[in-house]
């Protein structure tokens, strides 16, 4: 499992939906659920058997984890680009409007 490749403590969260549904449904909708706190195992069923189901979105859990592991908060730049990497064009950029073949 990937957790063997990481150093330090690992946190695994299993969402009840696919990545698209988990991203497009904001936490306020209270849709789906997620599982946490399972016992580390190389077998998914073993982990799930000991995990706790939490109703709602995994977003608040993730943002809490990020807050505990992130550095100091800084303000976003007023405009895109800098001296080394100037902005090419306003967002979202013309490539977004291109049709794929």
PDB file of N, CA and C in Angstrom:
ATOM      1  N   UNK A   1       0.832  -1.189   0.000  1.00  0.00           N
ATOM      2  CA  UNK A   1       0.000   0.000   0.000  1.00  0.00           C
ATOM      3  C   UNK A   1       0.873   1.248   0.000  1.00  0.00           C
ATOM      4  N   UNK A   2       0.312   2.337  -0.437  1.00  0.00           N
ATOM      5  CA  UNK A   2       1.033   3.590  -0.517  1.00  0.00           C
ATOM      6  C   UNK A   2       1.527   4.060   0.845  1.00  0.00           C
ATOM      7  N   UNK A   3       0.789   3.780   1.902  1.00  0.00           N
ATOM      8  CA  UNK A   3       1.188   4.269   3.227  1.00  0.00           C
ATOM      9  C   UNK A   3       2.565   3.751   3.622  1.00  0.00           C
ATOM     10  N   UNK A   4       2.999   2.625   3.062  1.00  0.00           N
ATOM     11  CA  UNK A   4       4.334   2.108   3.346  1.00  0.00           C
ATOM     12  C   UNK A   4       5.423   2.990   2.734  1.00  0.00           C
ATOM     13  N   UNK A   5       5.070   3.773   1.726  1.00  0.00           N
ATOM     14  CA  UNK A   5       6.038   4.628   1.051  1.00  0.00           C
ATOM     15  C   UNK A   5       6.189   5.986   1.721  1.00  0.00           C
ATOM     16  N   UNK A   6       5.259   6.317   2.609  1.00  0.00           N
ATOM     17  CA  UNK A   6       5.262   7.627   3.248  1.00  0.00           C
ATOM     18  C   UNK A   6       5.946   7.575   4.595  1.00  0.00           C
ATOM     19  N   UNK A   7       6.611   8.633   4.941  1.00  0.00           N
ATOM     20  CA  UNK A   7       7.203   8.716   6.269  1.00  0.00           C
ATOM     21  C   UNK A   7       6.219   9.354   7.242  1.00  0.00           C
ATOM     22  N   UNK A   8       6.328   9.028   8.493  1.00  0.00           N
ATOM     23  CA  UNK A   8       5.472   9.647   9.505  1.00  0.00           C
ATOM     24  C   UNK A   8       4.077   9.069   9.540  1.00  0.00           C
ATOM     25  N   UNK A   9       3.212   9.783  10.217  1.00  0.00           N
ATOM     26  CA  UNK A   9       1.832   9.333  10.404  1.00  0.00           C
ATOM     27  C   UNK A   9       1.031   9.539   9.113  1.00  0.00           C
ATOM     28  N   UNK A  10       0.226   8.558   8.767  1.00  0.00           N
ATOM     29  CA  UNK A  10      -0.624   8.657   7.579  1.00  0.00           C
ATOM     30  C   UNK A  10      -2.088   8.663   8.001  1.00  0.00           C
ATOM     31  N   UNK A  11      -2.885   9.455   7.314  1.00  0.00           N
ATOM     32  CA  UNK A  11      -4.324   9.502   7.552  1.00  0.00           C
ATOM     33  C   UNK A  11      -5.014   9.052   6.278  1.00  0.00           C
ATOM     34  N   UNK A  12      -5.886   8.058   6.395  1.00  0.00           N
ATOM     35  CA  UNK A  12      -6.620   7.578   5.227  1.00  0.00           C
ATOM     36  C   UNK A  12      -8.093   7.892   5.420  1.00  0.00           C
ATOM     37  N   UNK A  13      -8.701   8.475   4.404  1.00  0.00           N
ATOM     38  CA  UNK A  13     -10.121   8.814   4.409  1.00  0.00           C
ATOM     39  C   UNK A  13     -10.723   8.200   3.154  1.00  0.00           C
ATOM     40  N   UNK A  14     -11.818   7.467   3.322  1.00  0.00           N
ATOM     41  CA  UNK A  14     -12.500   6.835   2.194  1.00  0.00           C
ATOM     42  C   UNK A  14     -13.831   7.515   1.963  1.00  0.00           C
ATOM     43  N   UNK A  15     -14.007   8.119   0.794  1.00  0.00           N
ATOM     44  CA  UNK A  15     -15.266   8.768   0.447  1.00  0.00           C
ATOM     45  C   UNK A  15     -16.259   7.766  -0.108  1.00  0.00           C
ATOM     46  N   UNK A  16     -17.546   8.005   0.128  1.00  0.00           N
ATOM     47  CA  UNK A  16     -18.593   7.093  -0.332  1.00  0.00           C
ATOM     48  C   UNK A  16     -18.961   7.322  -1.791  1.00  0.00           C
ATOM     49  N   UNK A  17     -18.386   8.317  -2.419  1.00  0.00           N
ATOM     50  CA  UNK A  17     -18.717   8.596  -3.810  1.00  0.00           C
ATOM     51  C   UNK A  17     -17.437   8.749  -4.615  1.00  0.00           C
ATOM     52  N   UNK A  18     -17.591   8.813  -5.907  1.00  0.00           N
ATOM     53  CA  UNK A  18     -16.442   9.004  -6.779  1.00  0.00           C
ATOM     54  C   UNK A  18     -15.872  10.401  -6.649  1.00  0.00           C
ATOM     55  N   UNK A  19     -14.757  10.631  -7.293  1.00  0.00           N
ATOM     56  CA  UNK A  19     -14.080  11.915  -7.138  1.00  0.00           C
ATOM     57  C   UNK A  19     -14.902  13.080  -7.675  1.00  0.00           C
ATOM     58  N   UNK A  20     -15.687  12.877  -8.702  1.00  0.00           N
ATOM     59  CA  UNK A  20     -16.485  13.976  -9.246  1.00  0.00           C
ATOM     60  C   UNK A  20     -17.588  14.370  -8.260  1.00  0.00           C
ATOM     61  N   UNK A  21     -18.359  13.407  -7.787  1.00  0.00           N
ATOM     62  CA  UNK A  21     -19.442  13.719  -6.845  1.00  0.00           C
ATOM     63  C   UNK A  21     -18.893  14.333  -5.564  1.00  0.00           C
ATOM     64  N   UNK A  22     -17.723  13.880  -5.129  1.00  0.00           N
ATOM     65  CA  UNK A  22     -17.129  14.433  -3.917  1.00  0.00           C
ATOM     66  C   UNK A  22     -16.669  15.861  -4.071  1.00  0.00           C
ATOM     67  N   UNK A  23     -16.362  16.247  -5.285  1.00  0.00           N
ATOM     68  CA  UNK A  23     -15.871  17.597  -5.527  1.00  0.00           C
ATOM     69  C   UNK A  23     -17.008  18.559  -5.847  1.00  0.00           C
ATOM     70  N   UNK A  24     -18.024  18.114  -6.578  1.00  0.00           N
ATOM     71  CA  UNK A  24     -19.079  19.050  -6.981  1.00  0.00           C
ATOM     72  C   UNK A  24     -20.170  19.228  -5.939  1.00  0.00           C
ATOM     73  N   UNK A  25     -20.248  18.341  -4.959  1.00  0.00           N
ATOM     74  CA  UNK A  25     -21.238  18.505  -3.900  1.00  0.00           C
ATOM     75  C   UNK A  25     -20.589  19.194  -2.704  1.00  0.00           C
ATOM     76  N   UNK A  26     -20.868  20.485  -2.496  1.00  0.00           N
ATOM     77  CA  UNK A  26     -20.258  21.181  -1.372  1.00  0.00           C
ATOM     78  C   UNK A  26     -20.755  20.626  -0.035  1.00  0.00           C
ATOM     79  N   UNK A  27     -20.001  20.828   1.039  1.00  0.00           N
ATOM     80  CA  UNK A  27     -20.362  20.285   2.347  1.00  0.00           C
ATOM     81  C   UNK A  27     -21.755  20.665   2.827  1.00  0.00           C
ATOM     82  N   UNK A  28     -22.227  21.847   2.464  1.00  0.00           N
ATOM     83  CA  UNK A  28     -23.538  22.305   2.939  1.00  0.00           C
ATOM     84  C   UNK A  28     -24.678  21.405   2.473  1.00  0.00           C
ATOM     85  N   UNK A  29     -24.483  20.676   1.387  1.00  0.00           N
ATOM     86  CA  UNK A  29     -25.549  19.801   0.881  1.00  0.00           C
ATOM     87  C   UNK A  29     -25.748  18.563   1.747  1.00  0.00           C
ATOM     88  N   UNK A  30     -24.773  18.240   2.598  1.00  0.00           N
ATOM     89  CA  UNK A  30     -24.858  17.088   3.515  1.00  0.00           C
ATOM     90  C   UNK A  30     -25.150  15.782   2.770  1.00  0.00           C
ATOM     91  N   UNK A  31     -24.578  15.627   1.587  1.00  0.00           N
ATOM     92  CA  UNK A  31     -24.756  14.395   0.822  1.00  0.00           C
ATOM     93  C   UNK A  31     -23.633  13.424   1.141  1.00  0.00           C
ATOM     94  N   UNK A  32     -23.884  12.167   0.936  1.00  0.00           N
ATOM     95  CA  UNK A  32     -22.897  11.093   1.079  1.00  0.00           C
ATOM     96  C   UNK A  32     -22.379  10.943   2.508  1.00  0.00           C
ATOM     97  N   UNK A  33     -21.265  10.274   2.616  1.00  0.00           N
ATOM     98  CA  UNK A  33     -20.575  10.073   3.884  1.00  0.00           C
ATOM     99  C   UNK A  33     -19.143   9.681   3.578  1.00  0.00           C
ATOM    100  N   UNK A  34     -18.346   9.493   4.613  1.00  0.00           N
ATOM    101  CA  UNK A  34     -16.973   9.037   4.437  1.00  0.00           C
ATOM    102  C   UNK A  34     -16.588   8.219   5.655  1.00  0.00           C
ATOM    103  N   UNK A  35     -15.502   7.462   5.527  1.00  0.00           N
ATOM    104  CA  UNK A  35     -15.027   6.622   6.627  1.00  0.00           C
ATOM    105  C   UNK A  35     -13.631   7.063   7.040  1.00  0.00           C
ATOM    106  N   UNK A  36     -13.362   7.000   8.349  1.00  0.00           N
ATOM    107  CA  UNK A  36     -12.051   7.343   8.902  1.00  0.00           C
ATOM    108  C   UNK A  36     -11.717   6.383  10.038  1.00  0.00           C
ATOM    109  N   UNK A  37     -10.491   6.468  10.505  1.00  0.00           N
ATOM    110  CA  UNK A  37     -10.044   5.787  11.725  1.00  0.00           C
ATOM    111  C   UNK A  37     -10.032   4.269  11.673  1.00  0.00           C
ATOM    112  N   UNK A  38      -9.941   3.686  10.493  1.00  0.00           N
ATOM    113  CA  UNK A  38      -9.787   2.240  10.409  1.00  0.00           C
ATOM    114  C   UNK A  38      -8.379   1.845  10.844  1.00  0.00           C
ATOM    115  N   UNK A  39      -8.223   0.595  11.243  1.00  0.00           N
ATOM    116  CA  UNK A  39      -6.902   0.095  11.633  1.00  0.00           C
ATOM    117  C   UNK A  39      -6.084  -0.185  10.384  1.00  0.00           C
ATOM    118  N   UNK A  40      -4.861   0.342  10.355  1.00  0.00           N
ATOM    119  CA  UNK A  40      -3.994   0.170   9.193  1.00  0.00           C
ATOM    120  C   UNK A  40      -3.861  -1.310   8.849  1.00  0.00           C
ATOM    121  N   UNK A  41      -4.087  -1.622   7.585  1.00  0.00           N
ATOM    122  CA  UNK A  41      -4.022  -3.001   7.118  1.00  0.00           C
ATOM    123  C   UNK A  41      -3.723  -3.004   5.628  1.00  0.00           C
ATOM    124  N   UNK A  42      -3.146  -4.082   5.145  1.00  0.00           N
ATOM    125  CA  UNK A  42      -2.940  -4.227   3.714  1.00  0.00           C
ATOM    126  C   UNK A  42      -4.208  -4.707   3.012  1.00  0.00           C
ATOM    127  N   UNK A  43      -5.207  -5.067   3.783  1.00  0.00           N
ATOM    128  CA  UNK A  43      -6.489  -5.547   3.237  1.00  0.00           C
ATOM    129  C   UNK A  43      -7.556  -4.476   3.418  1.00  0.00           C
ATOM    130  N   UNK A  44      -8.149  -4.024   2.326  1.00  0.00           N
ATOM    131  CA  UNK A  44      -9.154  -2.961   2.382  1.00  0.00           C
ATOM    132  C   UNK A  44     -10.348  -3.337   3.251  1.00  0.00           C
ATOM    133  N   UNK A  45     -10.825  -4.573   3.151  1.00  0.00           N
ATOM    134  CA  UNK A  45     -11.984  -5.000   3.941  1.00  0.00           C
ATOM    135  C   UNK A  45     -11.702  -4.951   5.439  1.00  0.00           C
ATOM    136  N   UNK A  46     -10.479  -5.264   5.818  1.00  0.00           N
ATOM    137  CA  UNK A  46     -10.115  -5.192   7.236  1.00  0.00           C
ATOM    138  C   UNK A  46     -10.144  -3.747   7.722  1.00  0.00           C
ATOM    139  N   UNK A  47      -9.611  -2.851   6.927  1.00  0.00           N
ATOM    140  CA  UNK A  47      -9.626  -1.433   7.301  1.00  0.00           C
ATOM    141  C   UNK A  47     -11.063  -0.947   7.439  1.00  0.00           C
ATOM    142  N   UNK A  48     -11.895  -1.255   6.449  1.00  0.00           N
ATOM    143  CA  UNK A  48     -13.279  -0.783   6.452  1.00  0.00           C
ATOM    144  C   UNK A  48     -14.072  -1.353   7.622  1.00  0.00           C
ATOM    145  N   UNK A  49     -13.810  -2.598   8.002  1.00  0.00           N
ATOM    146  CA  UNK A  49     -14.533  -3.225   9.119  1.00  0.00           C
ATOM    147  C   UNK A  49     -14.313  -2.464  10.423  1.00  0.00           C
ATOM    148  N   UNK A  50     -13.155  -1.845  10.587  1.00  0.00           N
ATOM    149  CA  UNK A  50     -12.880  -1.117  11.816  1.00  0.00           C
ATOM    150  C   UNK A  50     -13.045   0.382  11.696  1.00  0.00           C
ATOM    151  N   UNK A  51     -13.401   0.862  10.520  1.00  0.00           N
ATOM    152  CA  UNK A  51     -13.515   2.302  10.296  1.00  0.00           C
ATOM    153  C   UNK A  51     -14.850   2.842  10.813  1.00  0.00           C
ATOM    154  N   UNK A  52     -14.866   4.143  11.037  1.00  0.00           N
ATOM    155  CA  UNK A  52     -16.072   4.830  11.508  1.00  0.00           C
ATOM    156  C   UNK A  52     -16.664   5.621  10.353  1.00  0.00           C
ATOM    157  N   UNK A  53     -17.962   5.423  10.101  1.00  0.00           N
ATOM    158  CA  UNK A  53     -18.664   6.166   9.059  1.00  0.00           C
ATOM    159  C   UNK A  53     -19.075   7.524   9.615  1.00  0.00           C
ATOM    160  N   UNK A  54     -18.798   8.564   8.844  1.00  0.00           N
ATOM    161  CA  UNK A  54     -19.142   9.926   9.244  1.00  0.00           C
ATOM    162  C   UNK A  54     -20.089  10.490   8.197  1.00  0.00           C
ATOM    163  N   UNK A  55     -21.280  10.945   8.600  1.00  0.00           N
ATOM    164  CA  UNK A  55     -22.214  11.509   7.616  1.00  0.00           C
ATOM    165  C   UNK A  55     -21.723  12.852   7.089  1.00  0.00           C
ATOM    166  N   UNK A  56     -22.065  13.132   5.840  1.00  0.00           N
ATOM    167  CA  UNK A  56     -21.705  14.413   5.239  1.00  0.00           C
ATOM    168  C   UNK A  56     -20.450  14.333   4.403  1.00  0.00           C
ATOM    169  N   UNK A  57     -19.959  15.497   4.031  1.00  0.00           N
ATOM    170  CA  UNK A  57     -18.808  15.623   3.154  1.00  0.00           C
ATOM    171  C   UNK A  57     -17.498  15.450   3.908  1.00  0.00           C
ATOM    172  N   UNK A  58     -16.493  14.937   3.201  1.00  0.00           N
ATOM    173  CA  UNK A  58     -15.153  14.816   3.765  1.00  0.00           C
ATOM    174  C   UNK A  58     -14.408  16.138   3.732  1.00  0.00           C
ATOM    175  N   UNK A  59     -14.953  17.133   3.090  1.00  0.00           N
ATOM    176  CA  UNK A  59     -14.273  18.428   2.966  1.00  0.00           C
ATOM    177  C   UNK A  59     -13.876  19.030   4.316  1.00  0.00           C
ATOM    178  N   UNK A  60     -14.798  19.135   5.297  1.00  0.00           N
ATOM    179  CA  UNK A  60     -14.398  19.726   6.583  1.00  0.00           C
ATOM    180  C   UNK A  60     -13.270  18.945   7.265  1.00  0.00           C
ATOM    181  N   UNK A  61     -13.294  17.627   7.158  1.00  0.00           N
ATOM    182  CA  UNK A  61     -12.218  16.809   7.732  1.00  0.00           C
ATOM    183  C   UNK A  61     -10.891  17.145   7.050  1.00  0.00           C
ATOM    184  N   UNK A  62     -10.919  17.256   5.738  1.00  0.00           N
ATOM    185  CA  UNK A  62      -9.716  17.556   4.973  1.00  0.00           C
ATOM    186  C   UNK A  62      -9.191  18.956   5.280  1.00  0.00           C
ATOM    187  N   UNK A  63     -10.082  19.962   5.326  1.00  0.00           N
ATOM    188  CA  UNK A  63      -9.626  21.319   5.599  1.00  0.00           C
ATOM    189  C   UNK A  63      -9.051  21.427   7.010  1.00  0.00           C
ATOM    190  N   UNK A  64      -9.586  20.659   7.955  1.00  0.00           N
ATOM    191  CA  UNK A  64      -9.013  20.624   9.298  1.00  0.00           C
ATOM    192  C   UNK A  64      -7.622  20.013   9.276  1.00  0.00           C
ATOM    193  N   UNK A  65      -7.447  18.938   8.522  1.00  0.00           N
ATOM    194  CA  UNK A  65      -6.141  18.300   8.391  1.00  0.00           C
ATOM    195  C   UNK A  65      -5.144  19.270   7.749  1.00  0.00           C
ATOM    196  N   UNK A  66      -5.591  19.946   6.692  1.00  0.00           N
ATOM    197  CA  UNK A  66      -4.719  20.905   6.020  1.00  0.00           C
ATOM    198  C   UNK A  66      -4.297  22.027   6.964  1.00  0.00           C
ATOM    199  N   UNK A  67      -5.227  22.549   7.744  1.00  0.00           N
ATOM    200  CA  UNK A  67      -4.918  23.641   8.667  1.00  0.00           C
ATOM    201  C   UNK A  67      -3.851  23.221   9.672  1.00  0.00           C
ATOM    202  N   UNK A  68      -3.889  21.967  10.109  1.00  0.00           N
ATOM    203  CA  UNK A  68      -2.899  21.478  11.072  1.00  0.00           C
ATOM    204  C   UNK A  68      -1.540  21.185  10.443  1.00  0.00           C
ATOM    205  N   UNK A  69      -1.478  21.071   9.128  1.00  0.00           N
ATOM    206  CA  UNK A  69      -0.233  20.715   8.457  1.00  0.00           C
ATOM    207  C   UNK A  69       0.308  21.827   7.553  1.00  0.00           C
ATOM    208  N   UNK A  70      -0.417  22.905   7.428  1.00  0.00           N
ATOM    209  CA  UNK A  70      -0.013  23.986   6.526  1.00  0.00           C
ATOM    210  C   UNK A  70       0.851  25.014   7.259  1.00  0.00           C
ATOM    211  N   UNK A  71       1.485  25.821   6.502  1.00  0.00           N
ATOM    212  CA  UNK A  71       2.257  26.924   7.066  1.00  0.00           C
ATOM    213  C   UNK A  71       1.362  28.124   7.320  1.00  0.00           C
ATOM    214  N   UNK A  72       2.006  29.245   7.482  1.00  0.00           N
ATOM    215  CA  UNK A  72       1.290  30.487   7.738  1.00  0.00           C
ATOM    216  C   UNK A  72       0.436  30.870   6.531  1.00  0.00           C
ATOM    217  N   UNK A  73      -0.763  31.379   6.794  1.00  0.00           N
ATOM    218  CA  UNK A  73      -1.629  31.831   5.709  1.00  0.00           C
ATOM    219  C   UNK A  73      -1.126  33.155   5.179  1.00  0.00           C
ATOM    220  N   UNK A  74      -1.134  33.286   3.863  1.00  0.00           N
ATOM    221  CA  UNK A  74      -0.708  34.529   3.228  1.00  0.00           C
ATOM    222  C   UNK A  74      -1.788  34.974   2.252  1.00  0.00           C
ATOM    223  N   UNK A  75      -1.824  36.261   1.993  1.00  0.00           N
ATOM    224  CA  UNK A  75      -2.822  36.802   1.066  1.00  0.00           C
ATOM    225  C   UNK A  75      -2.485  36.377  -0.363  1.00  0.00           C
ATOM    226  N   UNK A  76      -3.514  36.174  -1.151  1.00  0.00           N
ATOM    227  CA  UNK A  76      -3.323  35.828  -2.569  1.00  0.00           C
ATOM    228  C   UNK A  76      -2.751  37.036  -3.309  1.00  0.00           C
ATOM    229  N   UNK A  77      -1.962  36.805  -4.346  1.00  0.00           N
ATOM    230  CA  UNK A  77      -1.432  37.921  -5.130  1.00  0.00           C
ATOM    231  C   UNK A  77      -2.563  38.737  -5.752  1.00  0.00           C
ATOM    232  N   UNK A  78      -2.332  40.016  -5.918  1.00  0.00           N
ATOM    233  CA  UNK A  78      -3.335  40.897  -6.518  1.00  0.00           C
ATOM    234  C   UNK A  78      -3.519  40.580  -7.994  1.00  0.00           C
ATOM    235  N   UNK A  79      -2.434  40.216  -8.656  1.00  0.00           N
ATOM    236  CA  UNK A  79      -2.536  39.840 -10.064  1.00  0.00           C
ATOM    237  C   UNK A  79      -1.646  38.625 -10.336  1.00  0.00           C
ATOM    238  N   UNK A  80      -1.962  37.923 -11.396  1.00  0.00           N
ATOM    239  CA  UNK A  80      -1.217  36.714 -11.751  1.00  0.00           C
ATOM    240  C   UNK A  80       0.156  37.062 -12.310  1.00  0.00           C
ATOM    241  N   UNK A  81       1.100  36.133 -12.140  1.00  0.00           N
ATOM    242  CA  UNK A  81       2.428  36.272 -12.716  1.00  0.00           C
ATOM    243  C   UNK A  81       3.389  37.039 -11.821  1.00  0.00           C
ATOM    244  N   UNK A  82       4.655  36.996 -12.226  1.00  0.00           N
ATOM    245  CA  UNK A  82       5.710  37.750 -11.545  1.00  0.00           C
ATOM    246  C   UNK A  82       6.814  38.019 -12.572  1.00  0.00           C
ATOM    247  N   UNK A  83       7.939  38.548 -12.114  1.00  0.00           N
ATOM    248  CA  UNK A  83       9.022  38.901 -13.043  1.00  0.00           C
ATOM    249  C   UNK A  83       9.551  37.683 -13.792  1.00  0.00           C
ATOM    250  N   UNK A  84       9.626  36.547 -13.129  1.00  0.00           N
ATOM    251  CA  UNK A  84      10.131  35.333 -13.777  1.00  0.00           C
ATOM    252  C   UNK A  84       9.084  34.630 -14.634  1.00  0.00           C
ATOM    253  N   UNK A  85       7.836  34.711 -14.222  1.00  0.00           N
ATOM    254  CA  UNK A  85       6.742  34.013 -14.921  1.00  0.00           C
ATOM    255  C   UNK A  85       5.587  34.984 -15.148  1.00  0.00           C
ATOM    256  N   UNK A  86       5.670  35.804 -16.187  1.00  0.00           N
ATOM    257  CA  UNK A  86       4.599  36.769 -16.435  1.00  0.00           C
ATOM    258  C   UNK A  86       3.309  36.083 -16.889  1.00  0.00           C
ATOM    259  N   UNK A  87       2.201  36.717 -16.589  1.00  0.00           N
ATOM    260  CA  UNK A  87       0.898  36.204 -17.028  1.00  0.00           C
ATOM    261  C   UNK A  87       0.837  36.278 -18.550  1.00  0.00           C
ATOM    262  N   UNK A  88       0.277  35.253 -19.159  1.00  0.00           N
ATOM    263  CA  UNK A  88       0.200  35.210 -20.620  1.00  0.00           C
ATOM    264  C   UNK A  88      -1.087  35.870 -21.106  1.00  0.00           C
ATOM    265  N   UNK A  89      -2.193  35.577 -20.441  1.00  0.00           N
ATOM    266  CA  UNK A  89      -3.488  36.128 -20.814  1.00  0.00           C
ATOM    267  C   UNK A  89      -4.436  35.962 -19.629  1.00  0.00           C
ATOM    268  N   UNK A  90      -5.557  36.663 -19.629  1.00  0.00           N
ATOM    269  CA  UNK A  90      -6.501  36.531 -18.506  1.00  0.00           C
ATOM    270  C   UNK A  90      -7.073  35.117 -18.414  1.00  0.00           C
ATOM    271  N   UNK A  91      -7.382  34.704 -17.200  1.00  0.00           N
ATOM    272  CA  UNK A  91      -8.009  33.398 -16.974  1.00  0.00           C
ATOM    273  C   UNK A  91      -9.398  33.402 -17.585  1.00  0.00           C
ATOM    274  N   UNK A  92      -9.922  32.297 -18.054  1.00  0.00           N
ATOM    275  CA  UNK A  92      -9.361  30.972 -17.922  1.00  0.00           C
ATOM    276  C   UNK A  92      -8.363  30.625 -19.015  1.00  0.00           C
ATOM    277  N   UNK A  93      -8.149  31.462 -19.974  1.00  0.00           N
ATOM    278  CA  UNK A  93      -7.202  31.183 -21.058  1.00  0.00           C
ATOM    279  C   UNK A  93      -7.908  30.579 -22.260  1.00  0.00           C
ATOM    280  N   UNK A  94      -7.360  30.848 -23.426  1.00  0.00           N
ATOM    281  CA  UNK A  94      -8.017  30.395 -24.671  1.00  0.00           C
ATOM    282  C   UNK A  94      -8.037  28.876 -24.818  1.00  0.00           C
ATOM    283  N   UNK A  95      -7.067  28.161 -24.188  1.00  0.00           N
ATOM    284  CA  UNK A  95      -7.037  26.715 -24.333  1.00  0.00           C
ATOM    285  C   UNK A  95      -8.296  26.054 -23.760  1.00  0.00           C
ATOM    286  N   UNK A  96      -8.938  26.701 -22.814  1.00  0.00           N
ATOM    287  CA  UNK A  96     -10.167  26.163 -22.226  1.00  0.00           C
ATOM    288  C   UNK A  96     -11.288  26.116 -23.258  1.00  0.00           C
ATOM    289  N   UNK A  97     -11.254  27.043 -24.183  1.00  0.00           N
ATOM    290  CA  UNK A  97     -12.327  27.146 -25.179  1.00  0.00           C
ATOM    291  C   UNK A  97     -12.060  26.295 -26.418  1.00  0.00           C
ATOM    292  N   UNK A  98     -10.890  25.674 -26.509  1.00  0.00           N
ATOM    293  CA  UNK A  98     -10.576  24.844 -27.661  1.00  0.00           C
ATOM    294  C   UNK A  98     -11.348  23.542 -27.620  1.00  0.00           C
ATOM    295  N   UNK A  99     -11.822  23.076 -28.762  1.00  0.00           N
ATOM    296  CA  UNK A  99     -12.536  21.815 -28.847  1.00  0.00           C
ATOM    297  C   UNK A  99     -11.542  20.687 -29.083  1.00  0.00           C
ATOM    298  N   UNK A 100     -11.751  19.593 -28.382  1.00  0.00           N
ATOM    299  CA  UNK A 100     -10.888  18.444 -28.594  1.00  0.00           C
ATOM    300  C   UNK A 100     -11.368  17.668 -29.818  1.00  0.00           C
ATOM    301  N   UNK A 101     -10.476  16.933 -30.408  1.00  0.00           N
ATOM    302  CA  UNK A 101     -10.857  16.174 -31.612  1.00  0.00           C
ATOM    303  C   UNK A 101     -11.058  14.743 -31.313  1.00  0.00           C
TER     304      UNK A 101
END
